[in-house]
Structures are given as structure tokens and as C-alpha cells.
């Protein structure tokens, strides 16, 4: 009888976990803020040009990004191109309100 009772709680626990994951999925703004802090990217607003961003004193010439909200998790990939021509990509996974730095690979491909 105790096994049957325990088995009845498993679906309820899974549903509760999914609801918590849905509620705590980070939004695009949180990802942007985290990436800028983690990688020390500073942006300033210029009336004539708009937003100018720098990393380690070097101007970022262009930026492109991809944000995906899958409900129970979100992923964010951002590409920067610096004035020197160097390119850099940052990948971040957000789940249960936590942001995790990712590297390109199989897991990243599966999640995207």
C-alpha cells in the first residue's frame, strides 16, 4: 500500500518541478545584464551614435545574438566583433533562475 501511495506523489512532484522551472526561467534582460557583468563589458550612450560598448578598453563594433526561451529553460548566444577584427562568442544557459556559462559542443547543440 505504501508503494502505491508513493507512486501517486511522483506525477504531482514532476508537475510542481515543471511549474517552478517555468516561473524561474530567466528573461532576455537578465541574460544581457549577466553577460555584461561576467565579461566586463561597459556600454555608454552617445546621442549621435547610440550605445557604444567596450571590453578591456577595446570598442565593440558589432553585436549579434540569439535568445531562445524553451519554457523550462532559456539559452542565449551573443557574438561580439571588436575594432581589431577579433570575434568572441558567449553562450549561456538559464534554468531554475540560474545562469550557467556554456561552451560550444554536443549539449549546447541539443539545447538549441
C-alpha atoms as a PDB file:
ATOM      1  CA  UNK A   1       0.000   0.000   0.000  1.00  0.00           C
ATOM      2  CA  UNK A   2       2.866   2.424   0.758  1.00  0.00           C
ATOM      3  CA  UNK A   3       4.360   1.920  -2.722  1.00  0.00           C
ATOM      4  CA  UNK A   4       1.086   2.871  -4.382  1.00  0.00           C
ATOM      5  CA  UNK A   5       0.837   5.961  -2.224  1.00  0.00           C
ATOM      6  CA  UNK A   6       4.406   6.974  -3.074  1.00  0.00           C
ATOM      7  CA  UNK A   7       3.804   6.424  -6.787  1.00  0.00           C
ATOM      8  CA  UNK A   8       0.821   8.794  -6.665  1.00  0.00           C
ATOM      9  CA  UNK A   9       3.118  11.614  -5.478  1.00  0.00           C
ATOM     10  CA  UNK A  10       5.622  11.258  -8.341  1.00  0.00           C
ATOM     11  CA  UNK A  11       3.403  12.914 -11.013  1.00  0.00           C
ATOM     12  CA  UNK A  12       2.487  15.697  -8.586  1.00  0.00           C
ATOM     13  CA  UNK A  13       6.179  16.280  -7.819  1.00  0.00           C
ATOM     14  CA  UNK A  14       7.053  16.377 -11.524  1.00  0.00           C
ATOM     15  CA  UNK A  15       4.265  18.847 -12.248  1.00  0.00           C
ATOM     16  CA  UNK A  16       5.424  21.061  -9.380  1.00  0.00           C
ATOM     17  CA  UNK A  17       9.025  20.940 -10.675  1.00  0.00           C
ATOM     18  CA  UNK A  18       7.886  21.945 -14.168  1.00  0.00           C
ATOM     19  CA  UNK A  19       5.839  24.836 -12.776  1.00  0.00           C
ATOM     20  CA  UNK A  20       8.831  26.057 -10.752  1.00  0.00           C
ATOM     21  CA  UNK A  21      11.062  25.778 -13.833  1.00  0.00           C
ATOM     22  CA  UNK A  22       8.553  27.779 -15.901  1.00  0.00           C
ATOM     23  CA  UNK A  23       8.300  30.519 -13.285  1.00  0.00           C
ATOM     24  CA  UNK A  24      12.073  30.849 -12.761  1.00  0.00           C
ATOM     25  CA  UNK A  25      13.213  30.832 -16.413  1.00  0.00           C
ATOM     26  CA  UNK A  26      15.458  33.907 -16.837  1.00  0.00           C
ATOM     27  CA  UNK A  27      14.414  36.598 -19.328  1.00  0.00           C
ATOM     28  CA  UNK A  28      16.464  38.270 -22.060  1.00  0.00           C
ATOM     29  CA  UNK A  29      17.233  41.322 -19.910  1.00  0.00           C
ATOM     30  CA  UNK A  30      18.695  39.170 -17.116  1.00  0.00           C
ATOM     31  CA  UNK A  31      20.931  37.360 -19.625  1.00  0.00           C
ATOM     32  CA  UNK A  32      22.219  40.666 -21.071  1.00  0.00           C
ATOM     33  CA  UNK A  33      22.988  42.066 -17.628  1.00  0.00           C
ATOM     34  CA  UNK A  34      24.768  38.863 -16.547  1.00  0.00           C
ATOM     35  CA  UNK A  35      26.913  38.671 -19.699  1.00  0.00           C
ATOM     36  CA  UNK A  36      27.941  42.316 -19.383  1.00  0.00           C
ATOM     37  CA  UNK A  37      28.955  41.868 -15.729  1.00  0.00           C
ATOM     38  CA  UNK A  38      30.675  38.487 -16.161  1.00  0.00           C
ATOM     39  CA  UNK A  39      32.765  39.544 -19.152  1.00  0.00           C
ATOM     40  CA  UNK A  40      33.306  43.170 -18.024  1.00  0.00           C
ATOM     41  CA  UNK A  41      31.568  44.821 -20.960  1.00  0.00           C
ATOM     42  CA  UNK A  42      30.762  48.501 -20.453  1.00  0.00           C
ATOM     43  CA  UNK A  43      28.242  50.396 -22.547  1.00  0.00           C
ATOM     44  CA  UNK A  44      27.722  54.139 -22.749  1.00  0.00           C
ATOM     45  CA  UNK A  45      25.002  56.050 -24.509  1.00  0.00           C
ATOM     46  CA  UNK A  46      26.057  58.598 -27.144  1.00  0.00           C
ATOM     47  CA  UNK A  47      23.396  60.959 -28.542  1.00  0.00           C
ATOM     48  CA  UNK A  48      24.803  60.831 -32.055  1.00  0.00           C
ATOM     49  CA  UNK A  49      25.699  57.158 -32.328  1.00  0.00           C
ATOM     50  CA  UNK A  50      23.542  55.378 -29.792  1.00  0.00           C
ATOM     51  CA  UNK A  51      25.061  52.784 -27.493  1.00  0.00           C
ATOM     52  CA  UNK A  52      28.850  52.315 -27.555  1.00  0.00           C
ATOM     53  CA  UNK A  53      30.227  49.211 -25.848  1.00  0.00           C
ATOM     54  CA  UNK A  54      33.764  48.365 -24.758  1.00  0.00           C
ATOM     55  CA  UNK A  55      35.563  45.335 -23.374  1.00  0.00           C
ATOM     56  CA  UNK A  56      39.001  45.837 -21.856  1.00  0.00           C
ATOM     57  CA  UNK A  57      39.133  49.298 -23.443  1.00  0.00           C
ATOM     58  CA  UNK A  58      38.508  47.982 -26.964  1.00  0.00           C
ATOM     59  CA  UNK A  59      35.386  49.141 -28.789  1.00  0.00           C
ATOM     60  CA  UNK A  60      32.854  46.529 -29.857  1.00  0.00           C
ATOM     61  CA  UNK A  61      31.977  47.252 -33.487  1.00  0.00           C
ATOM     62  CA  UNK A  62      29.080  44.852 -33.878  1.00  0.00           C
ATOM     63  CA  UNK A  63      26.943  42.534 -31.822  1.00  0.00           C
ATOM     64  CA  UNK A  64      24.531  39.783 -32.774  1.00  0.00           C
ATOM     65  CA  UNK A  65      22.643  37.445 -30.517  1.00  0.00           C
ATOM     66  CA  UNK A  66      20.183  34.592 -30.357  1.00  0.00           C
ATOM     67  CA  UNK A  67      17.815  34.149 -27.411  1.00  0.00           C
ATOM     68  CA  UNK A  68      15.653  31.052 -27.016  1.00  0.00           C
ATOM     69  CA  UNK A  69      13.050  30.562 -24.315  1.00  0.00           C
ATOM     70  CA  UNK A  70      12.022  26.906 -24.212  1.00  0.00           C
ATOM     71  CA  UNK A  71       9.710  27.383 -21.235  1.00  0.00           C
ATOM     72  CA  UNK A  72      11.608  25.306 -18.684  1.00  0.00           C
ATOM     73  CA  UNK A  73      14.970  26.772 -19.685  1.00  0.00           C
ATOM     74  CA  UNK A  74      16.376  29.562 -21.846  1.00  0.00           C
ATOM     75  CA  UNK A  75      19.573  29.908 -23.842  1.00  0.00           C
ATOM     76  CA  UNK A  76      21.436  32.958 -25.059  1.00  0.00           C
ATOM     77  CA  UNK A  77      24.304  33.164 -27.513  1.00  0.00           C
ATOM     78  CA  UNK A  78      25.922  36.508 -28.195  1.00  0.00           C
ATOM     79  CA  UNK A  79      28.651  37.333 -30.712  1.00  0.00           C
ATOM     80  CA  UNK A  80      30.872  40.389 -30.468  1.00  0.00           C
ATOM     81  CA  UNK A  81      33.221  41.752 -33.107  1.00  0.00           C
ATOM     82  CA  UNK A  82      35.880  44.174 -31.869  1.00  0.00           C
ATOM     83  CA  UNK A  83      37.547  47.061 -33.671  1.00  0.00           C
ATOM     84  CA  UNK A  84      40.667  44.868 -34.071  1.00  0.00           C
ATOM     85  CA  UNK A  85      38.627  42.346 -36.090  1.00  0.00           C
ATOM     86  CA  UNK A  86      38.680  39.749 -33.299  1.00  0.00           C
ATOM     87  CA  UNK A  87      35.405  37.886 -32.711  1.00  0.00           C
ATOM     88  CA  UNK A  88      34.153  36.398 -29.462  1.00  0.00           C
ATOM     89  CA  UNK A  89      31.085  34.290 -28.675  1.00  0.00           C
ATOM     90  CA  UNK A  90      29.487  33.827 -25.246  1.00  0.00           C
ATOM     91  CA  UNK A  91      26.956  31.058 -24.593  1.00  0.00           C
ATOM     92  CA  UNK A  92      24.723  30.995 -21.529  1.00  0.00           C
ATOM     93  CA  UNK A  93      22.068  28.572 -20.289  1.00  0.00           C
ATOM     94  CA  UNK A  94      19.405  29.686 -17.812  1.00  0.00           C
ATOM     95  CA  UNK A  95      17.474  27.174 -15.725  1.00  0.00           C
ATOM     96  CA  UNK A  96      15.795  27.457 -12.310  1.00  0.00           C
ATOM     97  CA  UNK A  97      16.781  31.127 -12.118  1.00  0.00           C
ATOM     98  CA  UNK A  98      20.483  30.308 -12.513  1.00  0.00           C
ATOM     99  CA  UNK A  99      22.705  31.359 -15.416  1.00  0.00           C
ATOM    100  CA  UNK A 100      25.438  28.957 -16.474  1.00  0.00           C
ATOM    101  CA  UNK A 101      28.315  29.653 -18.862  1.00  0.00           C
ATOM    102  CA  UNK A 102      28.385  27.063 -21.661  1.00  0.00           C
ATOM    103  CA  UNK A 103      30.880  26.032 -24.313  1.00  0.00           C
ATOM    104  CA  UNK A 104      30.087  25.008 -27.849  1.00  0.00           C
ATOM    105  CA  UNK A 105      29.555  21.278 -28.037  1.00  0.00           C
ATOM    106  CA  UNK A 106      27.019  18.498 -28.101  1.00  0.00           C
ATOM    107  CA  UNK A 107      24.975  19.660 -25.088  1.00  0.00           C
ATOM    108  CA  UNK A 108      24.765  23.218 -26.460  1.00  0.00           C
ATOM    109  CA  UNK A 109      23.615  21.882 -29.837  1.00  0.00           C
ATOM    110  CA  UNK A 110      20.931  19.702 -28.213  1.00  0.00           C
ATOM    111  CA  UNK A 111      19.572  22.615 -26.177  1.00  0.00           C
ATOM    112  CA  UNK A 112      19.447  24.895 -29.196  1.00  0.00           C
END
